[in-house]
N, C-alpha and C. Protein backbone atom coordinates (compact mmCIF):
# COMPACT_ATOMS: atom_id res chain seq x y z
N UNK A 1 -4.90 -9.35 -13.73
CA UNK A 1 -4.58 -9.25 -12.33
C UNK A 1 -4.83 -7.85 -11.96
N UNK A 2 -5.45 -7.63 -10.74
CA UNK A 2 -5.78 -6.34 -10.38
C UNK A 2 -4.54 -5.60 -10.03
N UNK A 3 -4.83 -4.31 -9.89
CA UNK A 3 -3.53 -3.41 -9.47
C UNK A 3 -3.14 -3.68 -8.05
N UNK A 4 -3.95 -3.96 -7.18
CA UNK A 4 -3.70 -4.29 -5.79
C UNK A 4 -2.82 -5.63 -5.73
N UNK A 5 -3.31 -6.66 -6.57
CA UNK A 5 -2.60 -8.00 -6.52
C UNK A 5 -1.18 -7.69 -7.13
N UNK A 6 -1.12 -7.02 -8.18
CA UNK A 6 0.12 -6.83 -8.87
C UNK A 6 1.12 -6.08 -7.88
N UNK A 7 0.56 -5.07 -7.11
CA UNK A 7 1.39 -4.17 -6.18
C UNK A 7 1.98 -5.14 -5.03
N UNK A 8 1.12 -6.11 -4.58
CA UNK A 8 1.38 -7.01 -3.58
C UNK A 8 2.56 -7.91 -4.04
N UNK A 9 2.41 -8.38 -5.26
CA UNK A 9 3.39 -9.21 -5.90
C UNK A 9 4.86 -8.44 -5.88
N UNK A 10 4.81 -7.20 -6.42
CA UNK A 10 6.05 -6.44 -6.42
C UNK A 10 6.60 -6.25 -5.08
N UNK A 11 5.70 -5.96 -4.06
CA UNK A 11 6.17 -5.73 -2.69
C UNK A 11 6.90 -6.97 -2.25
N UNK A 12 6.36 -8.12 -2.39
CA UNK A 12 6.86 -9.49 -2.06
C UNK A 12 8.34 -9.57 -2.59
N UNK A 13 8.48 -9.27 -3.91
CA UNK A 13 9.80 -9.45 -4.59
C UNK A 13 10.77 -8.41 -3.96
N UNK A 14 10.37 -7.19 -3.74
CA UNK A 14 11.28 -6.09 -3.07
C UNK A 14 11.70 -6.52 -1.73
N UNK A 15 10.69 -7.02 -0.87
CA UNK A 15 11.07 -7.43 0.41
C UNK A 15 11.97 -8.65 0.46
N UNK A 16 11.77 -9.66 -0.46
CA UNK A 16 12.60 -10.82 -0.57
C UNK A 16 14.10 -10.42 -0.92
N UNK A 17 14.22 -9.33 -1.69
CA UNK A 17 15.46 -9.00 -2.17
C UNK A 17 16.14 -8.02 -1.00
N UNK A 18 15.37 -7.14 -0.36
CA UNK A 18 16.03 -6.19 0.44
C UNK A 18 15.88 -6.45 1.90
N UNK A 19 15.51 -7.58 2.33
CA UNK A 19 15.39 -7.90 3.78
C UNK A 19 16.69 -8.49 4.29
N UNK A 20 17.09 -8.06 5.50
CA UNK A 20 18.25 -8.42 6.00
C UNK A 20 18.14 -8.37 7.61
N UNK A 21 19.23 -8.93 8.25
CA UNK A 21 19.14 -8.84 9.78
C UNK A 21 19.00 -7.43 10.14
N UNK A 22 18.40 -7.18 11.34
CA UNK A 22 18.12 -5.89 11.83
C UNK A 22 19.28 -4.93 11.72
N UNK A 23 18.98 -3.73 11.14
CA UNK A 23 19.91 -2.66 10.86
C UNK A 23 19.13 -1.36 11.43
N UNK A 24 19.88 -0.45 11.75
CA UNK A 24 19.28 0.80 12.19
C UNK A 24 19.13 1.97 11.07
N UNK A 25 19.87 1.67 9.91
CA UNK A 25 19.85 2.70 8.91
C UNK A 25 19.75 1.95 7.50
N UNK A 26 19.46 2.62 6.50
CA UNK A 26 19.33 2.18 5.22
C UNK A 26 20.65 2.54 4.51
N UNK A 27 21.20 1.72 3.57
CA UNK A 27 22.54 2.28 3.02
C UNK A 27 22.13 3.52 2.03
N UNK A 28 21.02 3.62 1.48
CA UNK A 28 20.69 4.79 0.64
C UNK A 28 19.79 5.65 1.42
N UNK A 29 20.32 6.94 1.58
CA UNK A 29 19.62 7.96 2.44
C UNK A 29 18.30 8.29 1.85
N UNK A 30 17.87 7.93 0.61
CA UNK A 30 16.70 8.24 0.06
C UNK A 30 15.59 7.05 0.32
N UNK A 31 15.95 6.23 1.22
CA UNK A 31 15.14 5.07 1.71
C UNK A 31 14.79 5.26 3.10
N UNK A 32 13.59 4.45 3.54
CA UNK A 32 13.21 4.53 4.95
C UNK A 32 13.30 3.16 5.39
N UNK A 33 13.38 2.88 6.67
CA UNK A 33 13.60 1.66 7.33
C UNK A 33 12.31 1.03 7.89
N UNK A 34 11.98 -0.16 7.65
CA UNK A 34 10.90 -0.87 8.37
C UNK A 34 11.43 -2.13 9.12
N UNK A 35 11.06 -2.37 10.30
CA UNK A 35 11.65 -3.51 11.09
C UNK A 35 10.45 -4.36 11.42
N UNK A 36 10.51 -5.70 11.13
CA UNK A 36 9.44 -6.60 11.55
C UNK A 36 10.01 -7.93 11.61
N UNK A 37 9.64 -8.76 12.56
CA UNK A 37 10.06 -10.09 12.85
C UNK A 37 11.59 -10.25 12.90
N UNK A 38 12.15 -9.23 13.44
CA UNK A 38 13.64 -9.29 13.62
C UNK A 38 14.49 -8.92 12.45
N UNK A 39 13.84 -8.58 11.33
CA UNK A 39 14.53 -8.22 10.03
C UNK A 39 14.21 -6.75 9.67
N UNK A 40 15.04 -6.14 8.95
CA UNK A 40 14.82 -4.72 8.53
C UNK A 40 14.77 -4.72 6.97
N UNK A 41 13.95 -3.92 6.56
CA UNK A 41 13.71 -3.72 5.05
C UNK A 41 13.81 -2.24 4.71
N UNK A 42 14.51 -1.96 3.61
CA UNK A 42 14.56 -0.47 3.08
C UNK A 42 13.69 -0.35 1.96
N UNK A 43 12.85 0.72 1.98
CA UNK A 43 11.93 0.99 0.88
C UNK A 43 12.21 2.53 0.42
N UNK A 44 11.85 2.79 -0.78
CA UNK A 44 12.03 4.11 -1.18
C UNK A 44 11.19 5.14 -0.46
N UNK A 45 11.63 6.38 -0.13
CA UNK A 45 10.87 7.27 0.46
C UNK A 45 9.58 7.62 -0.18
N UNK A 46 9.49 7.47 -1.59
CA UNK A 46 8.40 7.76 -2.39
C UNK A 46 7.25 6.74 -1.97
N UNK A 47 7.48 5.61 -1.23
CA UNK A 47 6.52 4.72 -0.85
C UNK A 47 5.81 5.07 0.50
N UNK A 48 6.26 6.10 1.18
CA UNK A 48 5.54 6.55 2.31
C UNK A 48 4.34 7.50 1.85
N UNK A 49 3.25 7.27 2.55
CA UNK A 49 2.02 7.92 2.33
C UNK A 49 1.54 7.82 0.87
N UNK A 50 1.81 6.60 0.27
CA UNK A 50 1.32 6.38 -1.13
C UNK A 50 0.01 5.67 -1.21
N UNK A 51 -0.57 5.44 0.05
CA UNK A 51 -1.79 4.63 0.03
C UNK A 51 -1.63 3.09 0.02
N UNK A 52 -0.43 2.58 0.00
CA UNK A 52 -0.18 1.15 -0.03
C UNK A 52 0.69 0.95 1.31
N UNK A 53 0.26 0.13 2.22
CA UNK A 53 1.04 -0.20 3.38
C UNK A 53 2.23 -1.13 3.01
N UNK A 54 3.47 -0.80 3.31
CA UNK A 54 4.56 -1.53 2.96
C UNK A 54 5.20 -2.00 4.21
N UNK A 55 4.98 -1.55 5.51
CA UNK A 55 5.72 -1.98 6.68
C UNK A 55 4.59 -2.65 7.52
N UNK A 56 4.98 -3.49 8.50
CA UNK A 56 4.19 -4.11 9.47
C UNK A 56 3.51 -3.02 10.22
N UNK A 57 2.13 -3.18 10.50
CA UNK A 57 1.42 -2.02 11.18
C UNK A 57 1.21 -0.88 10.41
N UNK A 58 1.46 -0.95 9.15
CA UNK A 58 1.21 0.27 8.18
C UNK A 58 1.76 1.47 8.70
N UNK A 59 2.91 1.41 9.44
CA UNK A 59 3.65 2.54 9.89
C UNK A 59 4.01 3.66 8.89
N UNK A 60 4.22 3.19 7.55
CA UNK A 60 4.52 4.10 6.48
C UNK A 60 3.40 4.84 6.03
N UNK A 61 2.21 4.47 6.32
CA UNK A 61 0.93 5.14 6.06
C UNK A 61 0.36 5.98 7.08
N UNK A 62 0.93 5.92 8.33
CA UNK A 62 0.43 6.72 9.50
C UNK A 62 0.93 8.14 9.52
N UNK A 63 0.08 9.04 9.90
CA UNK A 63 0.29 10.41 10.07
C UNK A 63 0.46 11.18 8.70
N UNK A 64 -0.15 10.63 7.69
CA UNK A 64 -0.02 11.13 6.31
C UNK A 64 -1.22 12.16 6.16
N UNK A 65 -1.13 13.12 5.34
CA UNK A 65 -2.21 14.16 5.12
C UNK A 65 -3.30 13.36 4.37
N UNK A 66 -4.61 13.83 4.65
CA UNK A 66 -5.66 13.20 4.16
C UNK A 66 -5.65 13.18 2.54
N UNK A 67 -6.13 12.18 1.98
CA UNK A 67 -6.17 12.09 0.40
C UNK A 67 -7.47 12.60 -0.05
N UNK A 68 -7.49 13.51 -0.99
CA UNK A 68 -8.72 14.00 -1.40
C UNK A 68 -8.87 13.46 -2.99
N UNK A 69 -9.84 12.73 -3.29
CA UNK A 69 -9.98 12.14 -4.56
C UNK A 69 -10.75 13.01 -5.52
N UNK A 70 -10.37 12.83 -6.85
CA UNK A 70 -11.15 13.61 -7.87
C UNK A 70 -12.60 13.16 -7.84
N UNK A 71 -13.34 13.83 -8.62
CA UNK A 71 -14.86 13.61 -8.81
C UNK A 71 -15.07 12.26 -9.57
N UNK A 72 -14.08 11.88 -10.32
CA UNK A 72 -14.21 10.65 -11.07
C UNK A 72 -13.56 9.37 -10.40
N UNK A 73 -13.28 9.57 -9.11
CA UNK A 73 -12.51 8.52 -8.40
C UNK A 73 -13.39 8.11 -7.13
N UNK A 74 -13.02 7.05 -6.66
CA UNK A 74 -13.72 6.53 -5.32
C UNK A 74 -12.61 6.48 -4.28
N UNK A 75 -13.08 6.89 -3.15
CA UNK A 75 -12.23 7.00 -1.92
C UNK A 75 -12.09 5.78 -1.17
N UNK A 76 -10.94 5.06 -1.10
CA UNK A 76 -10.53 3.96 -0.20
C UNK A 76 -9.75 4.42 0.99
N UNK A 77 -9.63 3.65 1.95
CA UNK A 77 -8.78 3.91 3.16
C UNK A 77 -7.32 4.03 2.58
N UNK A 78 -7.02 3.31 1.46
CA UNK A 78 -5.61 3.30 1.06
C UNK A 78 -5.49 4.22 -0.31
N UNK A 79 -6.34 5.22 -0.44
CA UNK A 79 -6.14 6.08 -1.59
C UNK A 79 -7.42 6.15 -2.43
N UNK A 80 -7.19 6.57 -3.59
CA UNK A 80 -8.30 6.72 -4.60
C UNK A 80 -8.11 5.66 -5.68
N UNK A 81 -9.27 5.27 -6.16
CA UNK A 81 -9.29 4.30 -7.45
C UNK A 81 -10.29 4.94 -8.36
N UNK A 82 -10.16 4.63 -9.62
CA UNK A 82 -11.09 4.92 -10.52
C UNK A 82 -12.53 4.48 -10.23
N UNK A 83 -13.51 5.28 -10.41
CA UNK A 83 -14.93 4.89 -10.26
C UNK A 83 -15.27 3.69 -10.92
N UNK A 84 -14.69 3.44 -12.03
CA UNK A 84 -15.01 2.26 -12.92
C UNK A 84 -14.56 0.96 -12.11
N UNK A 85 -13.71 1.01 -11.08
CA UNK A 85 -13.32 -0.17 -10.38
C UNK A 85 -14.28 -0.58 -9.20
N UNK A 86 -15.33 0.40 -9.01
CA UNK A 86 -16.28 0.08 -7.91
C UNK A 86 -17.35 -0.96 -8.37
N UNK A 87 -17.72 -1.99 -7.73
CA UNK A 87 -18.57 -2.99 -8.09
C UNK A 87 -18.08 -3.81 -9.18
N UNK A 88 -16.92 -3.98 -9.47
CA UNK A 88 -16.49 -4.66 -10.64
C UNK A 88 -16.10 -6.14 -10.32
N UNK A 89 -16.33 -6.56 -9.12
CA UNK A 89 -15.99 -7.90 -8.61
C UNK A 89 -14.54 -8.04 -8.19
N UNK A 90 -13.68 -7.07 -8.17
CA UNK A 90 -12.32 -7.11 -7.71
C UNK A 90 -12.26 -6.19 -6.51
N UNK A 91 -11.53 -6.68 -5.45
CA UNK A 91 -11.33 -5.79 -4.28
C UNK A 91 -10.01 -4.97 -4.55
N UNK A 92 -10.39 -3.71 -4.77
CA UNK A 92 -9.32 -2.86 -5.10
C UNK A 92 -8.92 -1.95 -3.75
N UNK A 93 -9.79 -1.78 -2.93
CA UNK A 93 -9.67 -1.23 -1.70
C UNK A 93 -9.29 -2.20 -0.72
N UNK A 94 -8.17 -1.98 0.05
CA UNK A 94 -7.77 -2.99 1.09
C UNK A 94 -8.71 -3.51 1.98
N UNK A 95 -9.68 -2.71 2.29
CA UNK A 95 -10.72 -3.12 3.24
C UNK A 95 -12.03 -3.69 2.50
N UNK A 96 -11.91 -3.71 1.11
CA UNK A 96 -13.04 -4.24 0.34
C UNK A 96 -14.28 -3.18 0.23
N UNK A 97 -13.95 -1.98 0.73
CA UNK A 97 -15.00 -1.01 0.59
C UNK A 97 -15.63 -0.78 -0.85
N UNK A 98 -14.93 -0.97 -1.92
CA UNK A 98 -15.32 -0.82 -3.19
C UNK A 98 -16.29 -1.85 -3.77
N UNK A 99 -16.43 -3.00 -2.90
CA UNK A 99 -17.36 -3.93 -3.31
C UNK A 99 -18.33 -4.24 -2.22
N UNK A 100 -18.22 -3.63 -0.97
CA UNK A 100 -19.00 -3.92 0.13
C UNK A 100 -20.48 -3.57 0.01
N UNK A 101 -20.93 -2.59 -0.63
CA UNK A 101 -22.24 -2.18 -0.79
C UNK A 101 -22.78 -2.45 -2.20
N UNK A 102 -22.30 -3.39 -2.82
CA UNK A 102 -22.63 -3.79 -4.25
C UNK A 102 -24.02 -4.08 -4.29
N UNK A 103 -24.78 -3.36 -5.11
CA UNK A 103 -26.27 -3.77 -5.28
C UNK A 103 -26.49 -5.20 -5.75
N UNK A 104 -27.50 -5.83 -5.25
CA UNK A 104 -27.81 -7.15 -5.61
C UNK A 104 -28.50 -7.17 -7.02
N UNK A 105 -27.92 -7.93 -7.92
CA UNK A 105 -28.55 -8.13 -9.29
C UNK A 105 -29.30 -9.34 -9.47
């Protein structure tokens, strides 16, 4: 299972557990609030600007400082991945950029 798929699975579990009718605050002050489809979800502040969208409209990833990847990493719109993940047949970038220009073999 790729890292992106595993992260999506974990996100689904967290949302299923922490989704409630619309609230304007999170019970834990170390969380941030996302509202979508009439429900609110609380997520850890560490999930803001982490390269993985957690809220509808990716609002938790907006206004973040630019990500600078190391020389042995590939730059995706959602952060950095190891260069070894490029052209490996798995979409590791949310936009598929890591597989988009794959050379024909």
